[in-house]
């Protein structure tokens, strides 16, 4: 029989192990575990369903299958991923201003923009790096009740104007983004629409990817010689394809929480769920499936360039030895040569 002290110590030990493991793998992995858990209602209605749910959450890594062509050819691939830090950034903020008149809305908007631009200049971002994109100026309507003798009508009447603009801010250091947001909040500019990332010398990036892919293809072709496989240098076909992943496309979200309630299960009562905070994080393209990653370690959002070079080689068939049959001749007493058939 186990006493209560031993059981309590065991539970505390298991809890500490679980907490330390969660710290290593991070909340994103923890969230996946929570999402795979069976719900409270299912535990109440069908407790045996927990084992079935657990068995469906396994996600094993499958080794990719190689294939052999049947037309005396072989394909060699080189897949390269390159992480490139952007040279320029453009942050786009949205502004909405209300006013009783169009002039008042415009004046209030200008006051906010001018203050924002002046503080950006103190930060080192000149006025020419800030551009305004006019979006709309629309009247705002409200409903007023019109009383009549036997009825009531509600009519829409103009009560003011809504002015909407976007501000584009060009800067060249990602670390400045936090300060720009702080300055924007000072002038009631809160809505950050998106941040665009720009790489100036894309041609140099493509050259680096192509050269590295060619080096890897030649290395693989050389390695195949160790298998006695002769690849024809005269006959081969080359194809290439590239892609790009921008940071704005690589953000994911999750909700990290655990909503388990033992007491609710015991009482078989309903559970009112609280609002869960959604967390966003940068989820870059990983190295999985690539032969090489250039600049593999990244500590900030980057522009990711992918490149695939495929070469189709003709396999040289082995040379067949031509057997030469021997011929025998005799010389007759008259000096003539006659073939002799020995078969």
C-alpha atoms as a PDB file:
ATOM      1  CA  UNK A   1       0.000   0.000   0.000  1.00  0.00           C
ATOM      2  CA  UNK A   2       1.294   3.410  -0.944  1.00  0.00           C
ATOM      3  CA  UNK A   3       0.784   6.145   1.575  1.00  0.00           C
ATOM      4  CA  UNK A   4      -0.444   9.610   0.686  1.00  0.00           C
ATOM      5  CA  UNK A   5       3.022  11.130   1.124  1.00  0.00           C
ATOM      6  CA  UNK A   6       4.568   8.801  -1.473  1.00  0.00           C
ATOM      7  CA  UNK A   7       1.762   9.465  -3.963  1.00  0.00           C
ATOM      8  CA  UNK A   8       2.064  13.235  -3.484  1.00  0.00           C
ATOM      9  CA  UNK A   9       5.848  13.095  -4.002  1.00  0.00           C
ATOM     10  CA  UNK A  10       5.411  11.075  -7.197  1.00  0.00           C
ATOM     11  CA  UNK A  11       2.864  13.530  -8.583  1.00  0.00           C
ATOM     12  CA  UNK A  12       5.117  16.501  -7.807  1.00  0.00           C
ATOM     13  CA  UNK A  13       8.031  14.764  -9.528  1.00  0.00           C
ATOM     14  CA  UNK A  14       5.966  14.083 -12.659  1.00  0.00           C
ATOM     15  CA  UNK A  15       4.717  17.673 -12.700  1.00  0.00           C
ATOM     16  CA  UNK A  16       8.254  19.062 -12.497  1.00  0.00           C
ATOM     17  CA  UNK A  17       9.410  16.778 -15.342  1.00  0.00           C
ATOM     18  CA  UNK A  18       6.460  17.875 -17.484  1.00  0.00           C
ATOM     19  CA  UNK A  19       7.122  21.575 -16.787  1.00  0.00           C
ATOM     20  CA  UNK A  20      10.816  21.329 -17.623  1.00  0.00           C
ATOM     21  CA  UNK A  21      10.018  19.495 -20.866  1.00  0.00           C
ATOM     22  CA  UNK A  22       7.540  22.203 -21.850  1.00  0.00           C
ATOM     23  CA  UNK A  23      10.191  24.864 -21.343  1.00  0.00           C
ATOM     24  CA  UNK A  24      12.508  23.084 -23.765  1.00  0.00           C
ATOM     25  CA  UNK A  25      10.041  22.509 -26.582  1.00  0.00           C
ATOM     26  CA  UNK A  26       8.250  25.875 -26.335  1.00  0.00           C
ATOM     27  CA  UNK A  27       4.628  26.898 -26.243  1.00  0.00           C
ATOM     28  CA  UNK A  28       4.058  26.201 -29.939  1.00  0.00           C
ATOM     29  CA  UNK A  29       4.696  22.499 -29.424  1.00  0.00           C
ATOM     30  CA  UNK A  30       2.722  22.606 -26.199  1.00  0.00           C
ATOM     31  CA  UNK A  31      -0.173  24.151 -28.102  1.00  0.00           C
ATOM     32  CA  UNK A  32      -0.140  21.243 -30.556  1.00  0.00           C
ATOM     33  CA  UNK A  33      -0.397  18.835 -27.661  1.00  0.00           C
ATOM     34  CA  UNK A  34      -3.332  20.756 -26.209  1.00  0.00           C
ATOM     35  CA  UNK A  35      -5.077  20.876 -29.558  1.00  0.00           C
ATOM     36  CA  UNK A  36      -4.746  17.106 -29.850  1.00  0.00           C
ATOM     37  CA  UNK A  37      -6.262  16.462 -26.444  1.00  0.00           C
ATOM     38  CA  UNK A  38      -9.744  15.048 -26.151  1.00  0.00           C
ATOM     39  CA  UNK A  39     -12.373  17.565 -25.058  1.00  0.00           C
ATOM     40  CA  UNK A  40     -14.025  17.610 -21.666  1.00  0.00           C
ATOM     41  CA  UNK A  41     -17.407  16.723 -23.148  1.00  0.00           C
ATOM     42  CA  UNK A  42     -15.920  13.630 -24.780  1.00  0.00           C
ATOM     43  CA  UNK A  43     -14.330  12.580 -21.501  1.00  0.00           C
ATOM     44  CA  UNK A  44     -17.700  12.903 -19.794  1.00  0.00           C
ATOM     45  CA  UNK A  45     -19.718  11.094 -22.450  1.00  0.00           C
ATOM     46  CA  UNK A  46     -17.173   8.498 -23.565  1.00  0.00           C
ATOM     47  CA  UNK A  47     -14.104   8.196 -21.318  1.00  0.00           C
ATOM     48  CA  UNK A  48     -12.808   5.279 -23.375  1.00  0.00           C
ATOM     49  CA  UNK A  49     -12.410   7.587 -26.387  1.00  0.00           C
ATOM     50  CA  UNK A  50      -9.256   9.116 -24.915  1.00  0.00           C
ATOM     51  CA  UNK A  51      -7.036   6.223 -26.004  1.00  0.00           C
ATOM     52  CA  UNK A  52      -8.454   6.368 -29.504  1.00  0.00           C
ATOM     53  CA  UNK A  53      -7.791  10.104 -29.733  1.00  0.00           C
ATOM     54  CA  UNK A  54      -4.228   9.686 -28.530  1.00  0.00           C
ATOM     55  CA  UNK A  55      -3.488   7.051 -31.160  1.00  0.00           C
ATOM     56  CA  UNK A  56      -4.395   9.428 -33.999  1.00  0.00           C
ATOM     57  CA  UNK A  57      -1.983  12.191 -32.985  1.00  0.00           C
ATOM     58  CA  UNK A  58       1.280  10.472 -33.971  1.00  0.00           C
ATOM     59  CA  UNK A  59       3.234  12.311 -36.647  1.00  0.00           C
ATOM     60  CA  UNK A  60       6.212  10.239 -37.735  1.00  0.00           C
ATOM     61  CA  UNK A  61       8.874  11.381 -40.157  1.00  0.00           C
ATOM     62  CA  UNK A  62       8.820   9.303 -43.324  1.00  0.00           C
ATOM     63  CA  UNK A  63      12.025   8.781 -45.280  1.00  0.00           C
ATOM     64  CA  UNK A  64      11.579  10.087 -48.836  1.00  0.00           C
ATOM     65  CA  UNK A  65      11.604   7.383 -51.479  1.00  0.00           C
ATOM     66  CA  UNK A  66      14.180   7.355 -54.249  1.00  0.00           C
ATOM     67  CA  UNK A  67      13.197   6.249 -57.728  1.00  0.00           C
ATOM     68  CA  UNK A  68      14.961   4.873 -60.781  1.00  0.00           C
ATOM     69  CA  UNK A  69      14.051   5.940 -64.273  1.00  0.00           C
ATOM     70  CA  UNK A  70      13.429   3.260 -66.889  1.00  0.00           C
ATOM     71  CA  UNK A  71      14.806   5.134 -69.887  1.00  0.00           C
ATOM     72  CA  UNK A  72      18.547   4.907 -69.111  1.00  0.00           C
ATOM     73  CA  UNK A  73      18.576   8.359 -67.517  1.00  0.00           C
ATOM     74  CA  UNK A  74      19.245   9.678 -64.029  1.00  0.00           C
ATOM     75  CA  UNK A  75      18.129  12.921 -62.412  1.00  0.00           C
ATOM     76  CA  UNK A  76      20.340  14.932 -60.077  1.00  0.00           C
ATOM     77  CA  UNK A  77      18.781  17.714 -57.995  1.00  0.00           C
ATOM     78  CA  UNK A  78      20.295  20.521 -55.966  1.00  0.00           C
ATOM     79  CA  UNK A  79      17.890  22.411 -53.718  1.00  0.00           C
ATOM     80  CA  UNK A  80      19.238  25.545 -52.066  1.00  0.00           C
ATOM     81  CA  UNK A  81      17.653  27.901 -49.538  1.00  0.00           C
ATOM     82  CA  UNK A  82      19.173  31.315 -48.879  1.00  0.00           C
ATOM     83  CA  UNK A  83      18.223  33.625 -46.018  1.00  0.00           C
ATOM     84  CA  UNK A  84      18.794  37.255 -46.942  1.00  0.00           C
ATOM     85  CA  UNK A  85      18.413  40.213 -44.609  1.00  0.00           C
ATOM     86  CA  UNK A  86      16.452  42.997 -46.286  1.00  0.00           C
ATOM     87  CA  UNK A  87      18.189  46.227 -47.293  1.00  0.00           C
ATOM     88  CA  UNK A  88      15.076  48.412 -47.086  1.00  0.00           C
ATOM     89  CA  UNK A  89      11.758  48.293 -45.266  1.00  0.00           C
ATOM     90  CA  UNK A  90       8.477  50.100 -45.827  1.00  0.00           C
ATOM     91  CA  UNK A  91       5.967  50.235 -42.979  1.00  0.00           C
ATOM     92  CA  UNK A  92       2.391  51.164 -43.878  1.00  0.00           C
ATOM     93  CA  UNK A  93       0.131  52.744 -41.254  1.00  0.00           C
ATOM     94  CA  UNK A  94      -3.571  53.440 -41.646  1.00  0.00           C
ATOM     95  CA  UNK A  95      -5.181  56.618 -40.270  1.00  0.00           C
ATOM     96  CA  UNK A  96      -8.872  57.424 -39.878  1.00  0.00           C
ATOM     97  CA  UNK A  97     -10.006  60.887 -38.836  1.00  0.00           C
ATOM     98  CA  UNK A  98     -13.538  62.056 -38.112  1.00  0.00           C
ATOM     99  CA  UNK A  99     -14.702  65.684 -38.260  1.00  0.00           C
ATOM    100  CA  UNK A 100     -17.898  67.663 -38.296  1.00  0.00           C
ATOM    101  CA  UNK A 101     -16.802  69.145 -41.626  1.00  0.00           C
ATOM    102  CA  UNK A 102     -14.429  67.963 -44.339  1.00  0.00           C
ATOM    103  CA  UNK A 103     -12.093  70.849 -43.537  1.00  0.00           C
ATOM    104  CA  UNK A 104     -11.995  69.975 -39.840  1.00  0.00           C
ATOM    105  CA  UNK A 105     -11.253  66.314 -40.576  1.00  0.00           C
ATOM    106  CA  UNK A 106      -8.443  67.348 -42.932  1.00  0.00           C
ATOM    107  CA  UNK A 107      -6.921  69.779 -40.419  1.00  0.00           C
ATOM    108  CA  UNK A 108      -6.953  67.221 -37.610  1.00  0.00           C
ATOM    109  CA  UNK A 109      -5.416  64.621 -39.909  1.00  0.00           C
ATOM    110  CA  UNK A 110      -2.640  67.021 -40.989  1.00  0.00           C
ATOM    111  CA  UNK A 111      -1.838  67.786 -37.368  1.00  0.00           C
ATOM    112  CA  UNK A 112      -1.301  64.115 -36.593  1.00  0.00           C
ATOM    113  CA  UNK A 113       0.728  63.471 -39.747  1.00  0.00           C
ATOM    114  CA  UNK A 114       2.931  66.560 -39.322  1.00  0.00           C
ATOM    115  CA  UNK A 115       3.749  65.645 -35.729  1.00  0.00           C
ATOM    116  CA  UNK A 116       4.495  62.056 -36.752  1.00  0.00           C
ATOM    117  CA  UNK A 117       6.750  63.191 -39.621  1.00  0.00           C
ATOM    118  CA  UNK A 118       8.643  65.674 -37.425  1.00  0.00           C
ATOM    119  CA  UNK A 119       9.419  63.022 -34.808  1.00  0.00           C
ATOM    120  CA  UNK A 120      10.522  60.605 -37.530  1.00  0.00           C
ATOM    121  CA  UNK A 121      12.989  63.230 -38.770  1.00  0.00           C
ATOM    122  CA  UNK A 122      14.480  63.400 -35.283  1.00  0.00           C
ATOM    123  CA  UNK A 123      14.844  59.618 -35.475  1.00  0.00           C
ATOM    124  CA  UNK A 124      16.865  59.938 -38.688  1.00  0.00           C
ATOM    125  CA  UNK A 125      14.086  59.250 -41.211  1.00  0.00           C
ATOM    126  CA  UNK A 126      13.897  62.270 -43.554  1.00  0.00           C
ATOM    127  CA  UNK A 127      10.654  63.749 -44.799  1.00  0.00           C
ATOM    128  CA  UNK A 128      11.260  62.425 -48.316  1.00  0.00           C
ATOM    129  CA  UNK A 129      11.084  58.879 -46.902  1.00  0.00           C
ATOM    130  CA  UNK A 130       7.502  59.444 -45.769  1.00  0.00           C
ATOM    131  CA  UNK A 131       4.693  59.425 -48.329  1.00  0.00           C
ATOM    132  CA  UNK A 132       0.948  59.872 -47.920  1.00  0.00           C
ATOM    133  CA  UNK A 133      -1.584  57.717 -49.746  1.00  0.00           C
ATOM    134  CA  UNK A 134      -5.040  59.316 -49.897  1.00  0.00           C
ATOM    135  CA  UNK A 135      -7.760  56.670 -49.614  1.00  0.00           C
ATOM    136  CA  UNK A 136     -11.199  58.208 -49.060  1.00  0.00           C
ATOM    137  CA  UNK A 137     -13.261  61.120 -47.757  1.00  0.00           C
ATOM    138  CA  UNK A 138     -16.813  60.012 -47.021  1.00  0.00           C
ATOM    139  CA  UNK A 139     -19.769  61.602 -45.257  1.00  0.00           C
ATOM    140  CA  UNK A 140     -20.889  59.950 -42.037  1.00  0.00           C
ATOM    141  CA  UNK A 141     -24.626  59.453 -41.575  1.00  0.00           C
ATOM    142  CA  UNK A 142     -26.688  59.015 -38.445  1.00  0.00           C
ATOM    143  CA  UNK A 143     -30.348  58.190 -38.016  1.00  0.00           C
ATOM    144  CA  UNK A 144     -32.734  60.812 -36.696  1.00  0.00           C
ATOM    145  CA  UNK A 145     -36.274  60.085 -35.639  1.00  0.00           C
ATOM    146  CA  UNK A 146     -39.002  62.114 -37.313  1.00  0.00           C
ATOM    147  CA  UNK A 147     -42.155  62.217 -35.220  1.00  0.00           C
ATOM    148  CA  UNK A 148     -45.504  62.423 -36.916  1.00  0.00           C
ATOM    149  CA  UNK A 149     -49.020  62.306 -35.589  1.00  0.00           C
ATOM    150  CA  UNK A 150     -49.590  58.573 -36.057  1.00  0.00           C
ATOM    151  CA  UNK A 151     -46.098  57.279 -36.982  1.00  0.00           C
ATOM    152  CA  UNK A 152     -42.377  57.583 -36.495  1.00  0.00           C
ATOM    153  CA  UNK A 153     -39.800  57.637 -39.286  1.00  0.00           C
ATOM    154  CA  UNK A 154     -36.001  57.292 -39.039  1.00  0.00           C
ATOM    155  CA  UNK A 155     -34.049  59.282 -41.606  1.00  0.00           C
ATOM    156  CA  UNK A 156     -30.337  59.216 -42.331  1.00  0.00           C
ATOM    157  CA  UNK A 157     -28.780  62.689 -42.143  1.00  0.00           C
ATOM    158  CA  UNK A 158     -25.101  63.710 -42.607  1.00  0.00           C
ATOM    159  CA  UNK A 159     -23.378  64.324 -39.296  1.00  0.00           C
ATOM    160  CA  UNK A 160     -19.747  64.656 -40.341  1.00  0.00           C
ATOM    161  CA  UNK A 161     -16.965  63.282 -42.525  1.00  0.00           C
ATOM    162  CA  UNK A 162     -14.539  60.384 -42.316  1.00  0.00           C
ATOM    163  CA  UNK A 163     -11.080  60.904 -43.839  1.00  0.00           C
ATOM    164  CA  UNK A 164      -8.833  57.887 -44.394  1.00  0.00           C
ATOM    165  CA  UNK A 165      -5.177  57.886 -45.445  1.00  0.00           C
ATOM    166  CA  UNK A 166      -2.163  55.571 -45.386  1.00  0.00           C
ATOM    167  CA  UNK A 167       1.342  56.621 -44.381  1.00  0.00           C
ATOM    168  CA  UNK A 168       4.306  54.828 -46.002  1.00  0.00           C
ATOM    169  CA  UNK A 169       7.564  55.030 -44.049  1.00  0.00           C
ATOM    170  CA  UNK A 170      10.820  53.948 -45.687  1.00  0.00           C
ATOM    171  CA  UNK A 171      13.723  52.933 -43.424  1.00  0.00           C
ATOM    172  CA  UNK A 172      16.836  50.756 -43.704  1.00  0.00           C
ATOM    173  CA  UNK A 173      17.288  49.185 -40.254  1.00  0.00           C
ATOM    174  CA  UNK A 174      14.848  46.690 -38.803  1.00  0.00           C
ATOM    175  CA  UNK A 175      15.715  47.795 -35.254  1.00  0.00           C
ATOM    176  CA  UNK A 176      14.092  51.182 -35.947  1.00  0.00           C
ATOM    177  CA  UNK A 177      10.630  49.603 -36.288  1.00  0.00           C
ATOM    178  CA  UNK A 178       9.941  49.614 -32.544  1.00  0.00           C
ATOM    179  CA  UNK A 179      10.744  53.317 -32.283  1.00  0.00           C
ATOM    180  CA  UNK A 180       8.515  54.111 -35.265  1.00  0.00           C
ATOM    181  CA  UNK A 181       5.589  52.348 -33.598  1.00  0.00           C
ATOM    182  CA  UNK A 182       6.218  54.266 -30.364  1.00  0.00           C
ATOM    183  CA  UNK A 183       6.208  57.577 -32.251  1.00  0.00           C
ATOM    184  CA  UNK A 184       3.028  56.565 -34.078  1.00  0.00           C
ATOM    185  CA  UNK A 185       1.229  55.801 -30.818  1.00  0.00           C
ATOM    186  CA  UNK A 186       2.174  59.278 -29.574  1.00  0.00           C
ATOM    187  CA  UNK A 187       0.193  60.764 -32.467  1.00  0.00           C
ATOM    188  CA  UNK A 188      -2.703  58.284 -32.259  1.00  0.00           C
ATOM    189  CA  UNK A 189      -1.423  56.232 -35.182  1.00  0.00           C
ATOM    190  CA  UNK A 190      -1.930  52.634 -34.111  1.00  0.00           C
ATOM    191  CA  UNK A 191      -2.938  50.616 -37.171  1.00  0.00           C
ATOM    192  CA  UNK A 192       0.162  48.996 -38.689  1.00  0.00           C
ATOM    193  CA  UNK A 193      -1.143  47.460 -41.907  1.00  0.00           C
ATOM    194  CA  UNK A 194       2.014  45.632 -43.023  1.00  0.00           C
ATOM    195  CA  UNK A 195       5.773  45.879 -43.458  1.00  0.00           C
ATOM    196  CA  UNK A 196       7.302  45.260 -46.882  1.00  0.00           C
ATOM    197  CA  UNK A 197      10.847  43.871 -47.171  1.00  0.00           C
ATOM    198  CA  UNK A 198      13.116  44.736 -50.107  1.00  0.00           C
ATOM    199  CA  UNK A 199      16.418  43.228 -51.255  1.00  0.00           C
ATOM    200  CA  UNK A 200      18.267  45.554 -53.591  1.00  0.00           C
ATOM    201  CA  UNK A 201      20.662  43.201 -55.417  1.00  0.00           C
ATOM    202  CA  UNK A 202      18.418  40.266 -56.299  1.00  0.00           C
ATOM    203  CA  UNK A 203      20.670  39.354 -59.230  1.00  0.00           C
ATOM    204  CA  UNK A 204      23.595  38.688 -56.872  1.00  0.00           C
ATOM    205  CA  UNK A 205      21.339  36.438 -54.769  1.00  0.00           C
ATOM    206  CA  UNK A 206      20.301  34.445 -57.833  1.00  0.00           C
ATOM    207  CA  UNK A 207      23.922  34.096 -58.949  1.00  0.00           C
ATOM    208  CA  UNK A 208      24.917  32.765 -55.532  1.00  0.00           C
ATOM    209  CA  UNK A 209      22.085  30.232 -55.563  1.00  0.00           C
ATOM    210  CA  UNK A 210      22.853  29.049 -59.096  1.00  0.00           C
ATOM    211  CA  UNK A 211      26.615  28.747 -58.533  1.00  0.00           C
ATOM    212  CA  UNK A 212      26.122  26.786 -55.331  1.00  0.00           C
ATOM    213  CA  UNK A 213      23.607  24.487 -57.035  1.00  0.00           C
ATOM    214  CA  UNK A 214      26.000  23.815 -59.914  1.00  0.00           C
ATOM    215  CA  UNK A 215      28.766  22.970 -57.432  1.00  0.00           C
ATOM    216  CA  UNK A 216      26.500  20.491 -55.646  1.00  0.00           C
ATOM    217  CA  UNK A 217      25.369  18.867 -58.914  1.00  0.00           C
ATOM    218  CA  UNK A 218      28.973  18.347 -60.007  1.00  0.00           C
ATOM    219  CA  UNK A 219      29.798  16.923 -56.580  1.00  0.00           C
ATOM    220  CA  UNK A 220      26.905  14.464 -56.779  1.00  0.00           C
ATOM    221  CA  UNK A 221      27.866  13.439 -60.320  1.00  0.00           C
ATOM    222  CA  UNK A 222      31.424  12.787 -59.143  1.00  0.00           C
ATOM    223  CA  UNK A 223      30.140  10.716 -56.220  1.00  0.00           C
ATOM    224  CA  UNK A 224      28.084   8.509 -58.544  1.00  0.00           C
ATOM    225  CA  UNK A 225      31.287   7.453 -60.286  1.00  0.00           C
ATOM    226  CA  UNK A 226      32.062   5.496 -57.128  1.00  0.00           C
ATOM    227  CA  UNK A 227      29.096   3.271 -57.993  1.00  0.00           C
ATOM    228  CA  UNK A 228      30.501   2.629 -61.439  1.00  0.00           C
ATOM    229  CA  UNK A 229      27.812   4.844 -62.964  1.00  0.00           C
ATOM    230  CA  UNK A 230      29.074   6.742 -65.988  1.00  0.00           C
ATOM    231  CA  UNK A 231      27.043   9.869 -66.728  1.00  0.00           C
ATOM    232  CA  UNK A 232      27.217  11.215 -70.250  1.00  0.00           C
ATOM    233  CA  UNK A 233      28.622  14.732 -70.399  1.00  0.00           C
ATOM    234  CA  UNK A 234      27.479  15.110 -73.986  1.00  0.00           C
ATOM    235  CA  UNK A 235      23.803  14.496 -73.295  1.00  0.00           C
ATOM    236  CA  UNK A 236      22.087  16.231 -70.395  1.00  0.00           C
ATOM    237  CA  UNK A 237      19.107  18.521 -69.935  1.00  0.00           C
ATOM    238  CA  UNK A 238      18.977  21.314 -67.341  1.00  0.00           C
ATOM    239  CA  UNK A 239      15.929  22.879 -65.680  1.00  0.00           C
ATOM    240  CA  UNK A 240      15.759  25.441 -62.880  1.00  0.00           C
ATOM    241  CA  UNK A 241      13.060  26.995 -60.750  1.00  0.00           C
ATOM    242  CA  UNK A 242      13.082  29.545 -57.945  1.00  0.00           C
ATOM    243  CA  UNK A 243      10.744  30.942 -55.328  1.00  0.00           C
ATOM    244  CA  UNK A 244      10.632  33.558 -52.596  1.00  0.00           C
ATOM    245  CA  UNK A 245       9.056  33.642 -49.129  1.00  0.00           C
ATOM    246  CA  UNK A 246       8.477  37.099 -47.669  1.00  0.00           C
ATOM    247  CA  UNK A 247       8.300  37.564 -43.889  1.00  0.00           C
ATOM    248  CA  UNK A 248       4.736  38.856 -44.013  1.00  0.00           C
ATOM    249  CA  UNK A 249       3.636  35.517 -45.452  1.00  0.00           C
ATOM    250  CA  UNK A 250       5.387  33.460 -42.775  1.00  0.00           C
ATOM    251  CA  UNK A 251       3.541  34.490 -39.626  1.00  0.00           C
ATOM    252  CA  UNK A 252       1.422  31.882 -37.888  1.00  0.00           C
ATOM    253  CA  UNK A 253      -0.780  31.992 -34.819  1.00  0.00           C
ATOM    254  CA  UNK A 254      -1.729  29.725 -31.972  1.00  0.00           C
ATOM    255  CA  UNK A 255      -3.551  29.725 -28.659  1.00  0.00           C
ATOM    256  CA  UNK A 256      -1.553  28.241 -25.781  1.00  0.00           C
ATOM    257  CA  UNK A 257      -3.863  27.073 -23.035  1.00  0.00           C
ATOM    258  CA  UNK A 258      -5.118  23.997 -21.260  1.00  0.00           C
ATOM    259  CA  UNK A 259      -8.795  23.834 -20.379  1.00  0.00           C
ATOM    260  CA  UNK A 260      -9.028  20.773 -18.193  1.00  0.00           C
ATOM    261  CA  UNK A 261     -11.351  20.663 -15.191  1.00  0.00           C
ATOM    262  CA  UNK A 262     -11.529  17.558 -13.018  1.00  0.00           C
ATOM    263  CA  UNK A 263     -14.360  18.988 -10.935  1.00  0.00           C
ATOM    264  CA  UNK A 264     -16.426  19.652 -14.054  1.00  0.00           C
ATOM    265  CA  UNK A 265     -15.959  16.042 -15.125  1.00  0.00           C
ATOM    266  CA  UNK A 266     -17.028  14.782 -11.736  1.00  0.00           C
ATOM    267  CA  UNK A 267     -20.125  16.953 -11.660  1.00  0.00           C
ATOM    268  CA  UNK A 268     -20.810  16.401 -15.370  1.00  0.00           C
ATOM    269  CA  UNK A 269     -21.605  20.061 -15.759  1.00  0.00           C
ATOM    270  CA  UNK A 270     -21.097  22.343 -18.701  1.00  0.00           C
ATOM    271  CA  UNK A 271     -17.978  24.468 -19.038  1.00  0.00           C
ATOM    272  CA  UNK A 272     -18.050  28.112 -20.088  1.00  0.00           C
ATOM    273  CA  UNK A 273     -14.825  28.786 -21.943  1.00  0.00           C
ATOM    274  CA  UNK A 274     -12.945  32.050 -21.435  1.00  0.00           C
ATOM    275  CA  UNK A 275     -11.556  34.097 -24.293  1.00  0.00           C
ATOM    276  CA  UNK A 276      -8.097  32.857 -25.225  1.00  0.00           C
ATOM    277  CA  UNK A 277      -5.314  35.176 -26.383  1.00  0.00           C
ATOM    278  CA  UNK A 278      -4.033  34.517 -29.899  1.00  0.00           C
ATOM    279  CA  UNK A 279      -0.247  34.593 -30.171  1.00  0.00           C
ATOM    280  CA  UNK A 280       1.522  35.363 -33.455  1.00  0.00           C
ATOM    281  CA  UNK A 281       5.055  34.270 -34.270  1.00  0.00           C
ATOM    282  CA  UNK A 282       7.460  34.239 -37.204  1.00  0.00           C
ATOM    283  CA  UNK A 283       7.601  30.751 -38.726  1.00  0.00           C
ATOM    284  CA  UNK A 284      10.301  30.743 -41.445  1.00  0.00           C
ATOM    285  CA  UNK A 285      10.864  28.069 -44.073  1.00  0.00           C
ATOM    286  CA  UNK A 286      12.977  25.355 -42.465  1.00  0.00           C
ATOM    287  CA  UNK A 287      15.976  23.510 -43.862  1.00  0.00           C
ATOM    288  CA  UNK A 288      13.962  20.319 -44.326  1.00  0.00           C
ATOM    289  CA  UNK A 289      14.229  19.040 -47.900  1.00  0.00           C
ATOM    290  CA  UNK A 290      17.092  21.334 -48.936  1.00  0.00           C
ATOM    291  CA  UNK A 291      20.613  20.211 -49.780  1.00  0.00           C
ATOM    292  CA  UNK A 292      22.101  23.384 -48.365  1.00  0.00           C
ATOM    293  CA  UNK A 293      21.010  26.546 -46.579  1.00  0.00           C
ATOM    294  CA  UNK A 294      23.045  29.701 -47.102  1.00  0.00           C
ATOM    295  CA  UNK A 295      23.057  31.890 -43.965  1.00  0.00           C
ATOM    296  CA  UNK A 296      21.248  29.193 -41.966  1.00  0.00           C
ATOM    297  CA  UNK A 297      21.105  30.967 -38.579  1.00  0.00           C
ATOM    298  CA  UNK A 298      18.556  33.772 -38.460  1.00  0.00           C
ATOM    299  CA  UNK A 299      17.535  35.887 -35.478  1.00  0.00           C
ATOM    300  CA  UNK A 300      15.043  38.141 -37.255  1.00  0.00           C
ATOM    301  CA  UNK A 301      12.537  37.929 -40.121  1.00  0.00           C
ATOM    302  CA  UNK A 302      14.364  37.634 -43.437  1.00  0.00           C
ATOM    303  CA  UNK A 303      13.615  37.236 -47.122  1.00  0.00           C
ATOM    304  CA  UNK A 304      14.022  33.569 -48.073  1.00  0.00           C
ATOM    305  CA  UNK A 305      14.987  32.567 -51.598  1.00  0.00           C
ATOM    306  CA  UNK A 306      14.562  28.961 -52.727  1.00  0.00           C
ATOM    307  CA  UNK A 307      16.229  27.498 -55.816  1.00  0.00           C
ATOM    308  CA  UNK A 308      16.057  24.081 -57.453  1.00  0.00           C
ATOM    309  CA  UNK A 309      18.419  22.955 -60.199  1.00  0.00           C
ATOM    310  CA  UNK A 310      17.669  19.624 -61.895  1.00  0.00           C
ATOM    311  CA  UNK A 311      19.920  17.939 -64.428  1.00  0.00           C
ATOM    312  CA  UNK A 312      18.915  14.907 -66.489  1.00  0.00           C
ATOM    313  CA  UNK A 313      21.866  12.744 -67.511  1.00  0.00           C
ATOM    314  CA  UNK A 314      22.024   9.875 -69.994  1.00  0.00           C
ATOM    315  CA  UNK A 315      23.610   6.782 -68.525  1.00  0.00           C
ATOM    316  CA  UNK A 316      26.312   5.390 -70.781  1.00  0.00           C
ATOM    317  CA  UNK A 317      25.595   1.721 -71.533  1.00  0.00           C
ATOM    318  CA  UNK A 318      28.536  -0.656 -71.042  1.00  0.00           C
ATOM    319  CA  UNK A 319      30.515  -1.398 -74.194  1.00  0.00           C
ATOM    320  CA  UNK A 320      29.804  -4.831 -75.639  1.00  0.00           C
ATOM    321  CA  UNK A 321      32.827  -6.875 -76.627  1.00  0.00           C
ATOM    322  CA  UNK A 322      32.699  -7.991 -80.249  1.00  0.00           C
ATOM    323  CA  UNK A 323      33.854 -11.573 -80.559  1.00  0.00           C
ATOM    324  CA  UNK A 324      35.924 -12.203 -83.629  1.00  0.00           C
ATOM    325  CA  UNK A 325      35.621 -15.671 -85.115  1.00  0.00           C
ATOM    326  CA  UNK A 326      38.812 -17.333 -86.307  1.00  0.00           C
ATOM    327  CA  UNK A 327      39.101 -18.491 -89.920  1.00  0.00           C
ATOM    328  CA  UNK A 328      41.273 -21.308 -91.110  1.00  0.00           C
ATOM    329  CA  UNK A 329      42.766 -21.646 -94.601  1.00  0.00           C
ATOM    330  CA  UNK A 330      44.794 -24.308 -96.337  1.00  0.00           C
ATOM    331  CA  UNK A 331      47.146 -24.126 -99.241  1.00  0.00           C
ATOM    332  CA  UNK A 332      46.548 -26.698-101.923  1.00  0.00           C
ATOM    333  CA  UNK A 333      49.403 -28.405-103.822  1.00  0.00           C
ATOM    334  CA  UNK A 334      48.611 -26.046-106.656  1.00  0.00           C
ATOM    335  CA  UNK A 335      49.226 -23.035-104.361  1.00  0.00           C
ATOM    336  CA  UNK A 336      45.605 -22.034-103.967  1.00  0.00           C
ATOM    337  CA  UNK A 337      44.060 -20.836-100.636  1.00  0.00           C
ATOM    338  CA  UNK A 338      40.858 -22.524 -99.551  1.00  0.00           C
ATOM    339  CA  UNK A 339      38.831 -21.831 -96.373  1.00  0.00           C
ATOM    340  CA  UNK A 340      38.361 -24.736 -94.011  1.00  0.00           C
ATOM    341  CA  UNK A 341      35.035 -25.112 -92.238  1.00  0.00           C
ATOM    342  CA  UNK A 342      35.686 -26.637 -88.794  1.00  0.00           C
ATOM    343  CA  UNK A 343      32.047 -26.591 -87.649  1.00  0.00           C
END
